[in-house]
């Protein structure tokens, strides 16, 4: 279970990323927001992978679930899906699969 401090840290990091994206978009309105979002995502992935590097003990139980690149990628993809589905922007009224009356 996530404690309050961990949740606060998570929320702060997420909001700072959103704020940074908004700031970059406002500084140069000609910049494509998709480029900004892709850059933020690339940076977040780099940081996440860095933070999940296994230690130098091949028998470390904490590192076992992420002890290979494939395992780290699988964990990352699981989190990407979870966070995307939890996002208020996951569904859009303009999605191609939304029914229209």
C-alpha atoms as a PDB file:
ATOM      1  CA  UNK A   1       0.000   0.000   0.000  1.00  0.00           C
ATOM      2  CA  UNK A   2       1.230   3.471  -0.855  1.00  0.00           C
ATOM      3  CA  UNK A   3       1.666   5.790   2.114  1.00  0.00           C
ATOM      4  CA  UNK A   4       0.676   9.448   2.073  1.00  0.00           C
ATOM      5  CA  UNK A   5       4.228  10.717   1.524  1.00  0.00           C
ATOM      6  CA  UNK A   6       4.736   8.424  -1.487  1.00  0.00           C
ATOM      7  CA  UNK A   7       1.384   9.486  -2.928  1.00  0.00           C
ATOM      8  CA  UNK A   8       2.207  13.169  -2.424  1.00  0.00           C
ATOM      9  CA  UNK A   9       5.581  12.700  -4.149  1.00  0.00           C
ATOM     10  CA  UNK A  10       3.923  10.851  -7.046  1.00  0.00           C
ATOM     11  CA  UNK A  11       1.253  13.551  -7.453  1.00  0.00           C
ATOM     12  CA  UNK A  12       3.829  16.362  -7.264  1.00  0.00           C
ATOM     13  CA  UNK A  13       6.020  14.762  -9.935  1.00  0.00           C
ATOM     14  CA  UNK A  14       3.034  14.173 -12.224  1.00  0.00           C
ATOM     15  CA  UNK A  15       1.750  17.733 -11.873  1.00  0.00           C
ATOM     16  CA  UNK A  16       5.211  19.197 -12.423  1.00  0.00           C
ATOM     17  CA  UNK A  17       5.462  17.282 -15.704  1.00  0.00           C
ATOM     18  CA  UNK A  18       2.064  18.638 -16.790  1.00  0.00           C
ATOM     19  CA  UNK A  19       3.049  22.156 -15.714  1.00  0.00           C
ATOM     20  CA  UNK A  20       6.320  21.895 -17.650  1.00  0.00           C
ATOM     21  CA  UNK A  21       4.454  20.824 -20.780  1.00  0.00           C
ATOM     22  CA  UNK A  22       2.030  23.737 -20.422  1.00  0.00           C
ATOM     23  CA  UNK A  23       4.896  26.164 -19.809  1.00  0.00           C
ATOM     24  CA  UNK A  24       6.765  24.987 -22.915  1.00  0.00           C
ATOM     25  CA  UNK A  25       3.612  25.276 -25.018  1.00  0.00           C
ATOM     26  CA  UNK A  26       2.939  28.804 -23.749  1.00  0.00           C
ATOM     27  CA  UNK A  27       6.518  29.963 -24.355  1.00  0.00           C
ATOM     28  CA  UNK A  28       6.326  29.111 -28.043  1.00  0.00           C
ATOM     29  CA  UNK A  29       2.810  28.822 -29.388  1.00  0.00           C
ATOM     30  CA  UNK A  30       4.201  27.669 -32.753  1.00  0.00           C
ATOM     31  CA  UNK A  31       5.594  24.505 -31.158  1.00  0.00           C
ATOM     32  CA  UNK A  32       3.552  21.381 -31.750  1.00  0.00           C
ATOM     33  CA  UNK A  33       2.177  20.121 -28.424  1.00  0.00           C
ATOM     34  CA  UNK A  34       2.676  16.566 -29.668  1.00  0.00           C
ATOM     35  CA  UNK A  35       6.423  17.273 -29.879  1.00  0.00           C
ATOM     36  CA  UNK A  36       6.397  18.614 -26.332  1.00  0.00           C
ATOM     37  CA  UNK A  37       4.446  15.606 -25.072  1.00  0.00           C
ATOM     38  CA  UNK A  38       6.730  13.167 -26.901  1.00  0.00           C
ATOM     39  CA  UNK A  39       9.782  14.869 -25.396  1.00  0.00           C
ATOM     40  CA  UNK A  40       8.314  14.741 -21.896  1.00  0.00           C
ATOM     41  CA  UNK A  41       7.470  11.076 -22.377  1.00  0.00           C
ATOM     42  CA  UNK A  42      10.965  10.272 -23.646  1.00  0.00           C
ATOM     43  CA  UNK A  43      12.505  12.015 -20.647  1.00  0.00           C
ATOM     44  CA  UNK A  44      10.139  10.279 -18.235  1.00  0.00           C
ATOM     45  CA  UNK A  45      10.982   6.890 -19.748  1.00  0.00           C
ATOM     46  CA  UNK A  46      14.699   7.588 -19.484  1.00  0.00           C
ATOM     47  CA  UNK A  47      14.352   8.586 -15.834  1.00  0.00           C
ATOM     48  CA  UNK A  48      12.126   5.599 -15.043  1.00  0.00           C
ATOM     49  CA  UNK A  49      14.572   3.143 -16.645  1.00  0.00           C
ATOM     50  CA  UNK A  50      17.484   4.783 -14.818  1.00  0.00           C
ATOM     51  CA  UNK A  51      15.637   4.499 -11.512  1.00  0.00           C
ATOM     52  CA  UNK A  52      14.946   0.802 -12.107  1.00  0.00           C
ATOM     53  CA  UNK A  53      18.482  -0.333 -12.847  1.00  0.00           C
ATOM     54  CA  UNK A  54      19.042  -3.521 -10.866  1.00  0.00           C
ATOM     55  CA  UNK A  55      21.764  -3.557  -8.256  1.00  0.00           C
ATOM     56  CA  UNK A  56      24.970  -5.550  -8.650  1.00  0.00           C
ATOM     57  CA  UNK A  57      23.709  -8.491  -6.572  1.00  0.00           C
ATOM     58  CA  UNK A  58      22.336 -11.106  -9.021  1.00  0.00           C
ATOM     59  CA  UNK A  59      20.380 -12.732  -6.162  1.00  0.00           C
ATOM     60  CA  UNK A  60      18.712  -9.543  -4.950  1.00  0.00           C
ATOM     61  CA  UNK A  61      15.048 -10.300  -4.294  1.00  0.00           C
ATOM     62  CA  UNK A  62      14.021  -6.658  -4.683  1.00  0.00           C
ATOM     63  CA  UNK A  63      15.587  -6.480  -8.144  1.00  0.00           C
ATOM     64  CA  UNK A  64      14.401  -9.900  -9.365  1.00  0.00           C
ATOM     65  CA  UNK A  65      11.212  -8.582 -11.075  1.00  0.00           C
ATOM     66  CA  UNK A  66      13.276  -6.030 -13.068  1.00  0.00           C
ATOM     67  CA  UNK A  67      16.530  -7.919 -13.504  1.00  0.00           C
ATOM     68  CA  UNK A  68      16.403  -7.926 -17.322  1.00  0.00           C
ATOM     69  CA  UNK A  69      15.651  -5.245 -19.898  1.00  0.00           C
ATOM     70  CA  UNK A  70      12.604  -7.236 -21.026  1.00  0.00           C
ATOM     71  CA  UNK A  71      11.253  -7.392 -17.474  1.00  0.00           C
ATOM     72  CA  UNK A  72      11.766  -3.661 -17.007  1.00  0.00           C
ATOM     73  CA  UNK A  73      10.006  -2.933 -20.287  1.00  0.00           C
ATOM     74  CA  UNK A  74       7.086  -5.189 -19.327  1.00  0.00           C
ATOM     75  CA  UNK A  75       6.731  -3.364 -15.995  1.00  0.00           C
ATOM     76  CA  UNK A  76       6.941   0.000 -17.747  1.00  0.00           C
ATOM     77  CA  UNK A  77       4.262  -0.989 -20.265  1.00  0.00           C
ATOM     78  CA  UNK A  78       2.004  -2.202 -17.460  1.00  0.00           C
ATOM     79  CA  UNK A  79       2.341   1.164 -15.729  1.00  0.00           C
ATOM     80  CA  UNK A  80       1.806   3.106 -18.969  1.00  0.00           C
ATOM     81  CA  UNK A  81      -1.461   1.254 -19.573  1.00  0.00           C
ATOM     82  CA  UNK A  82      -2.589   1.761 -15.973  1.00  0.00           C
ATOM     83  CA  UNK A  83      -1.800   5.478 -15.898  1.00  0.00           C
ATOM     84  CA  UNK A  84      -3.350   6.045 -19.322  1.00  0.00           C
ATOM     85  CA  UNK A  85      -6.571   4.270 -18.379  1.00  0.00           C
ATOM     86  CA  UNK A  86      -6.751   6.263 -15.125  1.00  0.00           C
ATOM     87  CA  UNK A  87      -6.324   9.568 -16.972  1.00  0.00           C
ATOM     88  CA  UNK A  88      -9.297  11.876 -17.407  1.00  0.00           C
ATOM     89  CA  UNK A  89      -8.097  12.279 -21.007  1.00  0.00           C
ATOM     90  CA  UNK A  90      -8.139   8.560 -21.841  1.00  0.00           C
ATOM     91  CA  UNK A  91     -11.546   8.799 -23.522  1.00  0.00           C
ATOM     92  CA  UNK A  92     -12.406  11.702 -25.757  1.00  0.00           C
ATOM     93  CA  UNK A  93     -15.747  12.718 -27.163  1.00  0.00           C
ATOM     94  CA  UNK A  94     -13.993  12.749 -30.538  1.00  0.00           C
ATOM     95  CA  UNK A  95     -12.740   9.150 -30.352  1.00  0.00           C
ATOM     96  CA  UNK A  96     -13.586   7.255 -33.542  1.00  0.00           C
ATOM     97  CA  UNK A  97     -15.307   4.498 -31.562  1.00  0.00           C
ATOM     98  CA  UNK A  98     -17.716   6.810 -29.706  1.00  0.00           C
ATOM     99  CA  UNK A  99     -21.341   6.362 -30.694  1.00  0.00           C
ATOM    100  CA  UNK A 100     -23.200   9.336 -32.037  1.00  0.00           C
ATOM    101  CA  UNK A 101     -26.934   9.809 -32.052  1.00  0.00           C
END
